[in-house]
Amino acid sequence: MNITPEALDFLFENKIKDSKEWYREHRENHKKLVVEPFREFVRNMQPYIEKIDKNLSCDPMRISRIYRDTRFTKDKSTFRDNVWYGFMHGRELYEGLPCYFFEFSPRGIVYGVGYYHAGTRSIEAIRELVKKHDKTYLKAKRVLGKHPEITLETNPYKKNRFPDADKDDLEWLNIRNFCAVAETKEFNLLFSDRLAEEMGKRFIELKPVYDFLMKAEQSVNRSAE
């Protein structure tokens, strides 16, 4: 059961109408076009996720809701037009462990690995590995260097706090968060029966980044003991 262009049409129209009544009248379309195909994608990702880390969740019942959380935003629209799933450790988003994620919307595909919001000790541990030129850092850096379509979203400090560090390390040091993200308009892939296979391969290619972050977390755990 593939994701289809009709899924994007539904998400777009539902977002534009922003009507609970309209959504209730078309709830079955949401289930058939969006929910069921995306849950199948999550299930099909399990073999690839297990190759990365068997502790990462792969539960198709936990895909994102179509209703937005409007408590902390000025945008009070009811519905989202994107659907996402996080292959996570547990359910902690803020200051949780690193995870993989996949999202699609009428704008395209977004995927990657990193933190939703990293804790201070996690960021400090990452910096220590970078300063030491730890082999996991160097490997992660090489992998991202081979994939220019992937960018680092780090919420960096405006002023360089490490004037004596190597210039090549600064992007990995002046950080307040860490996420390696790719955005693409590969709609042909999104609608293909090869979606899980291709995304599984891309996730595995990013495993050195995940391993680097998890090594940082190991030192966080040791320091907490």
N, C-alpha and C. Protein backbone atom coordinates (compact mmCIF):
# COMPACT_ATOMS: atom_id res chain seq x y z
N MET A 1 0.85 -1.20 0.00
CA MET A 1 0.00 0.00 0.00
C MET A 1 0.88 1.24 0.00
N ASN A 2 1.02 1.88 -1.15
CA ASN A 2 1.90 3.03 -1.28
C ASN A 2 1.20 4.32 -0.87
N ILE A 3 2.01 5.29 -0.44
CA ILE A 3 1.53 6.66 -0.33
C ILE A 3 1.28 7.17 -1.74
N THR A 4 0.22 7.92 -1.94
CA THR A 4 -0.17 8.36 -3.28
C THR A 4 -0.28 9.88 -3.34
N PRO A 5 -0.35 10.45 -4.54
CA PRO A 5 -0.58 11.89 -4.66
C PRO A 5 -1.87 12.33 -3.97
N GLU A 6 -2.86 11.43 -3.92
CA GLU A 6 -4.12 11.77 -3.27
C GLU A 6 -3.93 12.04 -1.78
N ALA A 7 -2.93 11.41 -1.17
CA ALA A 7 -2.64 11.69 0.23
C ALA A 7 -2.22 13.14 0.42
N LEU A 8 -1.38 13.64 -0.48
CA LEU A 8 -0.95 15.03 -0.41
C LEU A 8 -2.11 15.98 -0.69
N ASP A 9 -2.97 15.59 -1.64
CA ASP A 9 -4.15 16.40 -1.93
C ASP A 9 -5.02 16.54 -0.70
N PHE A 10 -5.21 15.42 0.02
CA PHE A 10 -6.04 15.47 1.23
C PHE A 10 -5.41 16.37 2.28
N LEU A 11 -4.11 16.20 2.54
CA LEU A 11 -3.45 17.01 3.56
C LEU A 11 -3.53 18.49 3.23
N PHE A 12 -3.35 18.81 1.96
CA PHE A 12 -3.41 20.21 1.53
C PHE A 12 -4.81 20.77 1.72
N GLU A 13 -5.80 20.05 1.23
CA GLU A 13 -7.17 20.56 1.31
C GLU A 13 -7.64 20.67 2.76
N ASN A 14 -7.32 19.68 3.55
CA ASN A 14 -7.73 19.71 4.96
C ASN A 14 -7.10 20.89 5.70
N LYS A 15 -5.83 21.18 5.38
CA LYS A 15 -5.14 22.31 6.00
C LYS A 15 -5.78 23.63 5.57
N ILE A 16 -6.09 23.74 4.28
CA ILE A 16 -6.67 24.99 3.76
C ILE A 16 -8.06 25.23 4.37
N LYS A 17 -8.86 24.21 4.42
CA LYS A 17 -10.23 24.36 4.96
C LYS A 17 -10.19 24.59 6.46
N ASP A 18 -9.27 23.89 7.16
CA ASP A 18 -9.09 24.05 8.60
C ASP A 18 -10.44 24.00 9.33
N SER A 19 -11.21 22.98 9.00
CA SER A 19 -12.56 22.84 9.54
C SER A 19 -12.72 21.47 10.19
N LYS A 20 -13.04 21.45 11.47
CA LYS A 20 -13.26 20.17 12.13
C LYS A 20 -14.45 19.44 11.53
N GLU A 21 -15.46 20.19 11.12
CA GLU A 21 -16.63 19.56 10.50
C GLU A 21 -16.24 18.89 9.18
N TRP A 22 -15.47 19.59 8.35
CA TRP A 22 -15.05 19.01 7.08
C TRP A 22 -14.19 17.77 7.32
N TYR A 23 -13.30 17.86 8.32
CA TYR A 23 -12.45 16.70 8.61
C TYR A 23 -13.29 15.51 9.05
N ARG A 24 -14.25 15.73 9.91
CA ARG A 24 -15.10 14.61 10.36
C ARG A 24 -15.81 13.95 9.18
N GLU A 25 -16.22 14.76 8.22
CA GLU A 25 -16.92 14.23 7.05
C GLU A 25 -15.98 13.44 6.15
N HIS A 26 -14.68 13.72 6.23
CA HIS A 26 -13.70 13.07 5.36
C HIS A 26 -12.68 12.25 6.15
N ARG A 27 -13.02 11.88 7.37
CA ARG A 27 -12.10 11.15 8.23
C ARG A 27 -11.64 9.84 7.60
N GLU A 28 -12.55 9.15 6.92
CA GLU A 28 -12.19 7.87 6.31
C GLU A 28 -11.15 8.06 5.21
N ASN A 29 -11.22 9.18 4.49
CA ASN A 29 -10.20 9.46 3.48
C ASN A 29 -8.83 9.64 4.13
N HIS A 30 -8.82 10.31 5.26
CA HIS A 30 -7.56 10.48 5.99
C HIS A 30 -6.99 9.12 6.38
N LYS A 31 -7.84 8.26 6.89
CA LYS A 31 -7.38 6.94 7.30
C LYS A 31 -6.86 6.14 6.11
N LYS A 32 -7.63 6.14 5.02
CA LYS A 32 -7.28 5.32 3.86
C LYS A 32 -6.08 5.85 3.10
N LEU A 33 -6.02 7.17 2.92
CA LEU A 33 -4.99 7.75 2.07
C LEU A 33 -3.69 8.07 2.80
N VAL A 34 -3.80 8.41 4.09
CA VAL A 34 -2.63 8.88 4.83
C VAL A 34 -2.20 7.90 5.91
N VAL A 35 -3.10 7.59 6.82
CA VAL A 35 -2.74 6.82 8.01
C VAL A 35 -2.29 5.41 7.66
N GLU A 36 -3.10 4.68 6.93
CA GLU A 36 -2.78 3.27 6.66
C GLU A 36 -1.50 3.11 5.83
N PRO A 37 -1.31 3.88 4.73
CA PRO A 37 -0.06 3.74 3.99
C PRO A 37 1.18 4.13 4.80
N PHE A 38 1.03 5.17 5.65
CA PHE A 38 2.21 5.60 6.41
C PHE A 38 2.54 4.58 7.50
N ARG A 39 1.53 4.00 8.11
CA ARG A 39 1.80 2.95 9.09
C ARG A 39 2.49 1.75 8.44
N GLU A 40 2.11 1.44 7.22
CA GLU A 40 2.78 0.35 6.52
C GLU A 40 4.24 0.69 6.25
N PHE A 41 4.50 1.94 5.89
CA PHE A 41 5.89 2.38 5.70
C PHE A 41 6.69 2.17 6.98
N VAL A 42 6.14 2.58 8.12
CA VAL A 42 6.85 2.43 9.40
C VAL A 42 7.13 0.95 9.66
N ARG A 43 6.15 0.09 9.44
CA ARG A 43 6.37 -1.35 9.63
C ARG A 43 7.48 -1.85 8.71
N ASN A 44 7.50 -1.40 7.48
CA ASN A 44 8.50 -1.86 6.52
C ASN A 44 9.90 -1.34 6.83
N MET A 45 9.98 -0.31 7.66
CA MET A 45 11.29 0.23 8.06
C MET A 45 11.95 -0.59 9.16
N GLN A 46 11.21 -1.44 9.82
CA GLN A 46 11.73 -2.15 10.99
C GLN A 46 13.02 -2.92 10.73
N PRO A 47 13.16 -3.69 9.64
CA PRO A 47 14.42 -4.42 9.43
C PRO A 47 15.63 -3.50 9.33
N TYR A 48 15.44 -2.33 8.75
CA TYR A 48 16.55 -1.39 8.62
C TYR A 48 16.87 -0.72 9.95
N ILE A 49 15.84 -0.38 10.71
CA ILE A 49 16.05 0.23 12.02
C ILE A 49 16.77 -0.74 12.95
N GLU A 50 16.43 -2.02 12.88
CA GLU A 50 17.08 -3.01 13.74
C GLU A 50 18.56 -3.14 13.43
N LYS A 51 18.95 -2.88 12.17
CA LYS A 51 20.37 -2.93 11.82
C LYS A 51 21.13 -1.76 12.44
N ILE A 52 20.41 -0.69 12.74
CA ILE A 52 21.03 0.48 13.34
C ILE A 52 21.08 0.35 14.85
N ASP A 53 19.94 0.07 15.46
CA ASP A 53 19.85 -0.06 16.92
C ASP A 53 18.50 -0.70 17.25
N LYS A 54 18.53 -1.88 17.82
CA LYS A 54 17.30 -2.60 18.14
C LYS A 54 16.50 -1.91 19.24
N ASN A 55 17.11 -0.93 19.91
CA ASN A 55 16.39 -0.20 20.96
C ASN A 55 15.56 0.96 20.41
N LEU A 56 15.68 1.26 19.12
CA LEU A 56 14.87 2.31 18.52
C LEU A 56 13.47 1.77 18.23
N SER A 57 12.46 2.57 18.52
CA SER A 57 11.08 2.14 18.35
C SER A 57 10.69 2.11 16.87
N CYS A 58 9.78 1.22 16.55
CA CYS A 58 9.23 1.13 15.20
C CYS A 58 7.77 0.73 15.34
N ASP A 59 6.99 1.62 15.94
CA ASP A 59 5.60 1.34 16.29
C ASP A 59 4.67 2.14 15.39
N PRO A 60 4.05 1.52 14.40
CA PRO A 60 3.21 2.26 13.45
C PRO A 60 2.00 2.93 14.09
N MET A 61 1.63 2.54 15.30
CA MET A 61 0.48 3.16 15.95
C MET A 61 0.82 4.53 16.54
N ARG A 62 2.09 4.91 16.47
CA ARG A 62 2.52 6.17 17.08
C ARG A 62 2.90 7.23 16.04
N ILE A 63 2.35 7.14 14.85
CA ILE A 63 2.61 8.21 13.88
C ILE A 63 1.97 9.50 14.39
N SER A 64 2.39 10.62 13.84
CA SER A 64 1.92 11.91 14.32
C SER A 64 0.42 12.09 14.10
N ARG A 65 -0.19 12.89 14.96
CA ARG A 65 -1.60 13.22 14.83
C ARG A 65 -1.78 14.33 13.80
N ILE A 66 -2.96 14.41 13.23
CA ILE A 66 -3.23 15.46 12.25
C ILE A 66 -3.59 16.78 12.92
N TYR A 67 -3.99 16.71 14.19
CA TYR A 67 -4.30 17.94 14.92
C TYR A 67 -3.02 18.57 15.45
N ARG A 68 -2.92 19.89 15.35
CA ARG A 68 -1.78 20.63 15.85
C ARG A 68 -1.92 20.91 17.34
N ASP A 69 -0.80 21.02 18.03
CA ASP A 69 -0.77 21.49 19.41
C ASP A 69 -0.62 23.01 19.35
N THR A 70 -1.67 23.71 19.68
CA THR A 70 -1.68 25.18 19.54
C THR A 70 -1.41 25.91 20.85
N ARG A 71 -1.02 25.20 21.88
CA ARG A 71 -0.88 25.83 23.19
C ARG A 71 0.25 26.84 23.23
N PHE A 72 1.33 26.59 22.49
CA PHE A 72 2.51 27.42 22.63
C PHE A 72 2.90 28.11 21.32
N THR A 73 1.93 28.40 20.48
CA THR A 73 2.23 29.03 19.20
C THR A 73 1.17 30.07 18.87
N LYS A 74 1.59 31.09 18.12
CA LYS A 74 0.64 32.12 17.69
C LYS A 74 -0.28 31.60 16.59
N ASP A 75 0.19 30.62 15.85
CA ASP A 75 -0.62 30.02 14.78
C ASP A 75 -1.65 29.09 15.42
N LYS A 76 -2.90 29.47 15.38
CA LYS A 76 -3.95 28.70 16.03
C LYS A 76 -4.75 27.83 15.05
N SER A 77 -4.20 27.60 13.85
CA SER A 77 -4.89 26.70 12.92
C SER A 77 -4.96 25.31 13.53
N THR A 78 -6.01 24.60 13.19
CA THR A 78 -6.31 23.33 13.85
C THR A 78 -5.47 22.17 13.34
N PHE A 79 -5.22 22.14 12.03
CA PHE A 79 -4.63 20.95 11.41
C PHE A 79 -3.23 21.21 10.87
N ARG A 80 -2.44 20.15 10.84
CA ARG A 80 -1.14 20.18 10.20
C ARG A 80 -1.27 19.57 8.80
N ASP A 81 -0.35 19.92 7.92
CA ASP A 81 -0.36 19.31 6.59
C ASP A 81 0.81 18.35 6.39
N ASN A 82 1.53 18.05 7.47
CA ASN A 82 2.63 17.10 7.40
C ASN A 82 2.35 15.90 8.30
N VAL A 83 3.00 14.79 8.00
CA VAL A 83 2.87 13.57 8.80
C VAL A 83 4.29 13.09 9.09
N TRP A 84 4.57 12.72 10.33
CA TRP A 84 5.93 12.31 10.65
C TRP A 84 5.95 11.17 11.66
N TYR A 85 7.10 10.53 11.72
CA TYR A 85 7.32 9.49 12.71
C TYR A 85 8.76 9.57 13.19
N GLY A 86 8.96 9.45 14.50
CA GLY A 86 10.29 9.43 15.08
C GLY A 86 10.65 8.03 15.56
N PHE A 87 11.75 7.50 15.04
CA PHE A 87 12.26 6.19 15.47
C PHE A 87 13.12 6.47 16.70
N MET A 88 12.48 6.38 17.88
CA MET A 88 13.04 6.95 19.10
C MET A 88 13.33 5.89 20.16
N HIS A 89 14.09 6.33 21.18
CA HIS A 89 14.22 5.61 22.44
C HIS A 89 13.12 6.15 23.36
N GLY A 90 12.12 5.36 23.66
CA GLY A 90 11.06 5.84 24.53
C GLY A 90 10.26 6.93 23.87
N ARG A 91 9.73 7.87 24.68
CA ARG A 91 8.86 8.92 24.16
C ARG A 91 9.33 10.32 24.51
N GLU A 92 10.54 10.45 25.06
CA GLU A 92 11.02 11.74 25.51
C GLU A 92 11.57 12.53 24.34
N LEU A 93 10.95 13.68 24.02
CA LEU A 93 11.44 14.53 22.95
C LEU A 93 12.47 15.53 23.47
N TYR A 94 12.11 16.28 24.50
CA TYR A 94 13.01 17.26 25.06
C TYR A 94 14.07 16.59 25.92
N GLU A 95 15.33 16.81 25.54
CA GLU A 95 16.48 16.26 26.24
C GLU A 95 16.44 14.73 26.25
N GLY A 96 15.83 14.15 25.24
CA GLY A 96 15.85 12.69 25.07
C GLY A 96 17.08 12.26 24.31
N LEU A 97 17.15 10.95 24.00
CA LEU A 97 18.28 10.42 23.25
C LEU A 97 18.10 10.71 21.76
N PRO A 98 19.19 10.65 20.98
CA PRO A 98 19.07 10.90 19.54
C PRO A 98 18.16 9.88 18.87
N CYS A 99 17.56 10.29 17.76
CA CYS A 99 16.63 9.43 17.05
C CYS A 99 16.71 9.72 15.56
N TYR A 100 16.08 8.85 14.79
CA TYR A 100 15.85 9.08 13.35
C TYR A 100 14.42 9.58 13.17
N PHE A 101 14.17 10.25 12.07
CA PHE A 101 12.80 10.71 11.80
C PHE A 101 12.56 10.76 10.29
N PHE A 102 11.29 10.67 9.93
CA PHE A 102 10.86 10.78 8.53
C PHE A 102 9.55 11.55 8.51
N GLU A 103 9.42 12.46 7.54
CA GLU A 103 8.22 13.30 7.44
C GLU A 103 7.89 13.52 5.97
N PHE A 104 6.60 13.58 5.66
CA PHE A 104 6.22 14.00 4.32
C PHE A 104 5.05 14.96 4.39
N SER A 105 4.94 15.79 3.35
CA SER A 105 3.90 16.80 3.25
C SER A 105 3.79 17.20 1.78
N PRO A 106 2.86 18.07 1.42
CA PRO A 106 2.83 18.57 0.04
C PRO A 106 4.11 19.30 -0.38
N ARG A 107 4.94 19.66 0.58
CA ARG A 107 6.20 20.35 0.26
C ARG A 107 7.33 19.39 -0.04
N GLY A 108 7.18 18.10 0.32
CA GLY A 108 8.23 17.14 0.04
C GLY A 108 8.51 16.24 1.22
N ILE A 109 9.72 15.68 1.24
CA ILE A 109 10.17 14.74 2.26
C ILE A 109 11.23 15.41 3.12
N VAL A 110 11.18 15.16 4.42
CA VAL A 110 12.22 15.58 5.35
C VAL A 110 12.62 14.36 6.17
N TYR A 111 13.92 14.12 6.30
CA TYR A 111 14.37 12.99 7.12
C TYR A 111 15.74 13.30 7.70
N GLY A 112 16.13 12.53 8.70
CA GLY A 112 17.44 12.76 9.27
C GLY A 112 17.63 12.04 10.59
N VAL A 113 18.68 12.48 11.30
CA VAL A 113 19.04 11.88 12.58
C VAL A 113 19.57 12.97 13.49
N GLY A 114 19.21 12.88 14.77
CA GLY A 114 19.69 13.86 15.73
C GLY A 114 18.72 14.01 16.87
N TYR A 115 18.73 15.19 17.48
CA TYR A 115 17.88 15.47 18.63
C TYR A 115 16.72 16.37 18.22
N TYR A 116 15.59 16.17 18.86
CA TYR A 116 14.51 17.16 18.78
C TYR A 116 14.94 18.39 19.57
N HIS A 117 15.43 18.16 20.76
CA HIS A 117 15.99 19.24 21.58
C HIS A 117 16.99 18.59 22.52
N ALA A 118 18.29 18.81 22.26
CA ALA A 118 19.33 18.16 23.05
C ALA A 118 19.48 18.83 24.41
N GLY A 119 19.82 18.02 25.41
CA GLY A 119 20.10 18.55 26.73
C GLY A 119 21.49 19.17 26.79
N THR A 120 21.73 20.01 27.78
CA THR A 120 23.00 20.71 27.91
C THR A 120 24.16 19.74 28.06
N ARG A 121 23.98 18.69 28.85
CA ARG A 121 25.07 17.73 29.04
C ARG A 121 25.36 16.96 27.76
N SER A 122 24.32 16.71 26.95
CA SER A 122 24.56 16.04 25.67
C SER A 122 25.42 16.91 24.76
N ILE A 123 25.10 18.20 24.69
CA ILE A 123 25.87 19.13 23.86
C ILE A 123 27.31 19.22 24.35
N GLU A 124 27.49 19.27 25.64
CA GLU A 124 28.85 19.33 26.19
C GLU A 124 29.63 18.07 25.85
N ALA A 125 28.97 16.91 25.91
CA ALA A 125 29.64 15.65 25.58
C ALA A 125 30.01 15.59 24.11
N ILE A 126 29.14 16.10 23.24
CA ILE A 126 29.45 16.16 21.81
C ILE A 126 30.69 17.02 21.59
N ARG A 127 30.75 18.16 22.24
CA ARG A 127 31.89 19.06 22.07
C ARG A 127 33.20 18.39 22.50
N GLU A 128 33.14 17.64 23.58
CA GLU A 128 34.35 16.97 24.06
C GLU A 128 34.88 15.97 23.04
N LEU A 129 33.99 15.24 22.39
CA LEU A 129 34.42 14.30 21.35
C LEU A 129 35.01 15.03 20.16
N VAL A 130 34.44 16.17 19.82
CA VAL A 130 34.96 16.97 18.71
C VAL A 130 36.35 17.50 19.04
N LYS A 131 36.52 18.03 20.24
CA LYS A 131 37.81 18.58 20.65
C LYS A 131 38.90 17.53 20.61
N LYS A 132 38.56 16.30 20.97
CA LYS A 132 39.53 15.20 20.98
C LYS A 132 39.72 14.57 19.61
N HIS A 133 38.95 15.02 18.62
CA HIS A 133 38.94 14.39 17.30
C HIS A 133 38.72 12.89 17.43
N ASP A 134 37.75 12.55 18.25
CA ASP A 134 37.39 11.16 18.44
C ASP A 134 37.08 10.51 17.09
N LYS A 135 37.39 9.24 16.96
CA LYS A 135 37.21 8.56 15.67
C LYS A 135 35.74 8.54 15.24
N THR A 136 34.82 8.50 16.21
CA THR A 136 33.40 8.53 15.82
C THR A 136 33.01 9.88 15.24
N TYR A 137 33.60 10.94 15.77
CA TYR A 137 33.37 12.28 15.22
C TYR A 137 33.90 12.38 13.80
N LEU A 138 35.12 11.91 13.59
CA LEU A 138 35.74 12.00 12.26
C LEU A 138 34.95 11.19 11.24
N LYS A 139 34.46 10.05 11.66
CA LYS A 139 33.68 9.21 10.73
C LYS A 139 32.35 9.87 10.40
N ALA A 140 31.69 10.42 11.41
CA ALA A 140 30.42 11.12 11.17
C ALA A 140 30.63 12.31 10.24
N LYS A 141 31.70 13.02 10.46
CA LYS A 141 32.00 14.19 9.64
C LYS A 141 32.25 13.79 8.19
N ARG A 142 32.96 12.67 7.97
CA ARG A 142 33.22 12.20 6.61
C ARG A 142 31.92 11.81 5.91
N VAL A 143 31.04 11.16 6.65
CA VAL A 143 29.77 10.74 6.06
C VAL A 143 28.96 11.95 5.60
N LEU A 144 28.85 12.96 6.43
CA LEU A 144 28.08 14.14 6.05
C LEU A 144 28.77 14.89 4.91
N GLY A 145 30.09 14.82 4.86
CA GLY A 145 30.81 15.45 3.76
C GLY A 145 30.50 14.83 2.42
N LYS A 146 30.10 13.55 2.44
CA LYS A 146 29.76 12.85 1.20
C LYS A 146 28.32 13.11 0.77
N HIS A 147 27.54 13.76 1.63
CA HIS A 147 26.12 13.96 1.36
C HIS A 147 25.78 15.45 1.50
N PRO A 148 26.06 16.23 0.47
CA PRO A 148 25.80 17.68 0.56
C PRO A 148 24.33 18.02 0.70
N GLU A 149 23.44 17.06 0.41
CA GLU A 149 22.01 17.32 0.57
C GLU A 149 21.60 17.33 2.05
N ILE A 150 22.49 16.89 2.92
CA ILE A 150 22.20 16.85 4.36
C ILE A 150 22.88 18.04 5.03
N THR A 151 22.12 18.80 5.77
CA THR A 151 22.66 19.97 6.47
C THR A 151 22.56 19.77 7.98
N LEU A 152 23.44 20.46 8.69
CA LEU A 152 23.40 20.44 10.15
C LEU A 152 22.54 21.59 10.66
N GLU A 153 21.55 21.25 11.45
CA GLU A 153 20.76 22.26 12.14
C GLU A 153 21.17 22.23 13.61
N THR A 154 21.89 23.27 14.04
CA THR A 154 22.51 23.24 15.36
C THR A 154 22.13 24.43 16.24
N ASN A 155 21.32 25.35 15.73
CA ASN A 155 21.00 26.57 16.48
C ASN A 155 22.28 27.18 17.05
N PRO A 156 23.25 27.53 16.20
CA PRO A 156 24.58 27.90 16.68
C PRO A 156 24.61 29.23 17.42
N TYR A 157 25.65 29.39 18.23
CA TYR A 157 25.91 30.68 18.85
C TYR A 157 26.29 31.68 17.78
N LYS A 158 25.85 32.91 17.93
CA LYS A 158 26.18 33.95 16.95
C LYS A 158 27.66 34.32 17.00
N LYS A 159 28.25 34.23 18.19
CA LYS A 159 29.66 34.56 18.35
C LYS A 159 30.45 33.29 18.58
N ASN A 160 31.58 33.16 17.90
CA ASN A 160 32.44 31.99 18.05
C ASN A 160 32.98 31.89 19.47
N ARG A 161 32.68 30.80 20.13
CA ARG A 161 33.13 30.60 21.51
C ARG A 161 34.40 29.77 21.58
N PHE A 162 34.93 29.37 20.43
CA PHE A 162 36.11 28.51 20.42
C PHE A 162 37.14 29.07 19.44
N PRO A 163 37.71 30.25 19.73
CA PRO A 163 38.61 30.92 18.79
C PRO A 163 39.88 30.15 18.51
N ASP A 164 40.28 29.24 19.39
CA ASP A 164 41.52 28.50 19.20
C ASP A 164 41.31 27.15 18.53
N ALA A 165 40.09 26.80 18.23
CA ALA A 165 39.79 25.49 17.64
C ALA A 165 40.05 25.51 16.13
N ASP A 166 40.23 24.32 15.55
CA ASP A 166 40.36 24.21 14.11
C ASP A 166 39.10 24.73 13.43
N LYS A 167 39.26 25.45 12.34
CA LYS A 167 38.11 26.02 11.64
C LYS A 167 37.12 24.94 11.20
N ASP A 168 37.66 23.78 10.82
CA ASP A 168 36.80 22.70 10.34
C ASP A 168 35.91 22.13 11.44
N ASP A 169 36.25 22.43 12.70
CA ASP A 169 35.48 21.88 13.82
C ASP A 169 34.43 22.84 14.35
N LEU A 170 34.49 24.10 13.92
CA LEU A 170 33.65 25.12 14.54
C LEU A 170 32.16 24.85 14.39
N GLU A 171 31.76 24.31 13.23
CA GLU A 171 30.34 24.03 13.02
C GLU A 171 29.83 23.00 14.02
N TRP A 172 30.74 22.17 14.53
CA TRP A 172 30.36 21.11 15.46
C TRP A 172 30.59 21.52 16.91
N LEU A 173 31.15 22.70 17.14
CA LEU A 173 31.44 23.16 18.49
C LEU A 173 30.49 24.27 18.95
N ASN A 174 30.20 25.22 18.07
CA ASN A 174 29.35 26.35 18.43
C ASN A 174 27.87 25.99 18.29
N ILE A 175 27.47 24.97 19.02
CA ILE A 175 26.13 24.41 18.83
C ILE A 175 25.31 24.48 20.12
N ARG A 176 24.00 24.57 19.94
CA ARG A 176 23.07 24.48 21.06
C ARG A 176 22.06 23.36 20.84
N ASN A 177 22.14 22.74 19.69
CA ASN A 177 21.34 21.56 19.37
C ASN A 177 22.09 20.82 18.27
N PHE A 178 21.58 19.65 17.86
CA PHE A 178 22.28 18.91 16.80
C PHE A 178 21.30 18.03 16.06
N CYS A 179 21.16 18.28 14.75
CA CYS A 179 20.32 17.43 13.92
C CYS A 179 20.82 17.49 12.48
N ALA A 180 21.04 16.33 11.88
CA ALA A 180 21.43 16.24 10.47
C ALA A 180 20.17 16.00 9.66
N VAL A 181 19.84 16.93 8.76
CA VAL A 181 18.53 16.95 8.11
C VAL A 181 18.68 17.03 6.59
N ALA A 182 17.86 16.27 5.91
CA ALA A 182 17.76 16.36 4.45
C ALA A 182 16.33 16.72 4.08
N GLU A 183 16.18 17.64 3.14
CA GLU A 183 14.87 18.00 2.59
C GLU A 183 14.91 17.77 1.09
N THR A 184 13.91 17.07 0.57
CA THR A 184 13.92 16.72 -0.84
C THR A 184 12.50 16.73 -1.40
N LYS A 185 12.40 16.96 -2.68
CA LYS A 185 11.11 16.91 -3.37
C LYS A 185 11.03 15.66 -4.26
N GLU A 186 11.56 14.56 -3.77
CA GLU A 186 11.54 13.31 -4.52
C GLU A 186 10.15 12.65 -4.41
N PHE A 187 9.17 13.27 -5.02
CA PHE A 187 7.82 12.75 -4.92
C PHE A 187 7.68 11.38 -5.59
N ASN A 188 8.45 11.16 -6.64
CA ASN A 188 8.41 9.84 -7.27
C ASN A 188 8.83 8.74 -6.30
N LEU A 189 9.81 9.05 -5.45
CA LEU A 189 10.22 8.10 -4.42
C LEU A 189 9.14 7.95 -3.36
N LEU A 190 8.55 9.06 -2.94
CA LEU A 190 7.50 9.01 -1.92
C LEU A 190 6.36 8.10 -2.34
N PHE A 191 6.01 8.09 -3.61
CA PHE A 191 4.88 7.31 -4.11
C PHE A 191 5.30 5.90 -4.55
N SER A 192 6.57 5.58 -4.40
CA SER A 192 7.10 4.32 -4.92
C SER A 192 7.00 3.20 -3.89
N ASP A 193 6.93 1.95 -4.37
CA ASP A 193 6.97 0.81 -3.46
C ASP A 193 8.40 0.55 -2.97
N ARG A 194 9.36 1.38 -3.41
CA ARG A 194 10.74 1.27 -2.95
C ARG A 194 11.04 2.27 -1.82
N LEU A 195 10.03 2.95 -1.31
CA LEU A 195 10.26 4.02 -0.34
C LEU A 195 10.99 3.50 0.90
N ALA A 196 10.47 2.45 1.52
CA ALA A 196 11.10 1.94 2.74
C ALA A 196 12.52 1.42 2.45
N GLU A 197 12.68 0.74 1.34
CA GLU A 197 14.01 0.22 0.99
C GLU A 197 15.02 1.35 0.83
N GLU A 198 14.63 2.39 0.10
CA GLU A 198 15.55 3.50 -0.15
C GLU A 198 15.82 4.28 1.13
N MET A 199 14.77 4.56 1.91
CA MET A 199 14.99 5.30 3.15
C MET A 199 15.78 4.47 4.15
N GLY A 200 15.56 3.16 4.15
CA GLY A 200 16.33 2.30 5.03
C GLY A 200 17.82 2.38 4.71
N LYS A 201 18.15 2.39 3.43
CA LYS A 201 19.55 2.51 3.02
C LYS A 201 20.12 3.86 3.45
N ARG A 202 19.35 4.91 3.29
CA ARG A 202 19.83 6.24 3.66
C ARG A 202 20.01 6.34 5.17
N PHE A 203 19.11 5.75 5.93
CA PHE A 203 19.26 5.75 7.39
C PHE A 203 20.53 5.02 7.79
N ILE A 204 20.79 3.88 7.17
CA ILE A 204 21.99 3.10 7.51
C ILE A 204 23.25 3.87 7.15
N GLU A 205 23.22 4.62 6.04
CA GLU A 205 24.37 5.45 5.67
C GLU A 205 24.65 6.51 6.72
N LEU A 206 23.61 6.94 7.43
CA LEU A 206 23.78 7.95 8.48
C LEU A 206 24.12 7.35 9.85
N LYS A 207 24.27 6.05 9.90
CA LYS A 207 24.55 5.40 11.19
C LYS A 207 25.80 5.95 11.89
N PRO A 208 26.88 6.30 11.18
CA PRO A 208 28.02 6.89 11.89
C PRO A 208 27.67 8.17 12.65
N VAL A 209 26.73 8.94 12.14
CA VAL A 209 26.29 10.15 12.87
C VAL A 209 25.56 9.73 14.14
N TYR A 210 24.67 8.76 14.01
CA TYR A 210 23.94 8.24 15.17
C TYR A 210 24.92 7.65 16.19
N ASP A 211 25.90 6.88 15.72
CA ASP A 211 26.87 6.26 16.63
C ASP A 211 27.69 7.32 17.37
N PHE A 212 28.03 8.39 16.68
CA PHE A 212 28.76 9.50 17.30
C PHE A 212 27.94 10.12 18.43
N LEU A 213 26.66 10.37 18.17
CA LEU A 213 25.80 10.96 19.19
C LEU A 213 25.59 10.01 20.36
N MET A 214 25.46 8.72 20.06
CA MET A 214 25.26 7.75 21.14
C MET A 214 26.53 7.59 21.98
N LYS A 215 27.70 7.73 21.37
CA LYS A 215 28.92 7.69 22.17
C LYS A 215 28.96 8.89 23.12
N ALA A 216 28.53 10.04 22.63
CA ALA A 216 28.44 11.21 23.52
C ALA A 216 27.49 10.92 24.67
N GLU A 217 26.37 10.27 24.38
CA GLU A 217 25.40 9.95 25.42
C GLU A 217 25.98 8.99 26.45
N GLN A 218 26.84 8.09 26.04
CA GLN A 218 27.46 7.16 26.98
C GLN A 218 28.27 7.91 28.02
N SER A 219 28.98 8.95 27.59
CA SER A 219 29.74 9.74 28.55
C SER A 219 28.83 10.56 29.45
N VAL A 220 27.67 10.99 28.93
CA VAL A 220 26.68 11.67 29.76
C VAL A 220 26.19 10.75 30.84
N ASN A 221 25.89 9.51 30.47
CA ASN A 221 25.42 8.54 31.46
C ASN A 221 26.48 8.26 32.51
N ARG A 222 27.74 8.15 32.10
CA ARG A 222 28.81 7.89 33.07
C ARG A 222 28.97 9.05 34.03
N SER A 223 28.86 10.28 33.50
CA SER A 223 29.03 11.44 34.36
C SER A 223 27.88 11.59 35.34
N ALA A 224 26.72 10.99 35.00
CA ALA A 224 25.55 11.09 35.87
C ALA A 224 25.56 10.06 36.97
N GLU A 225 26.44 9.05 36.83
CA GLU A 225 26.45 7.97 37.82
C GLU A 225 27.23 8.37 39.07
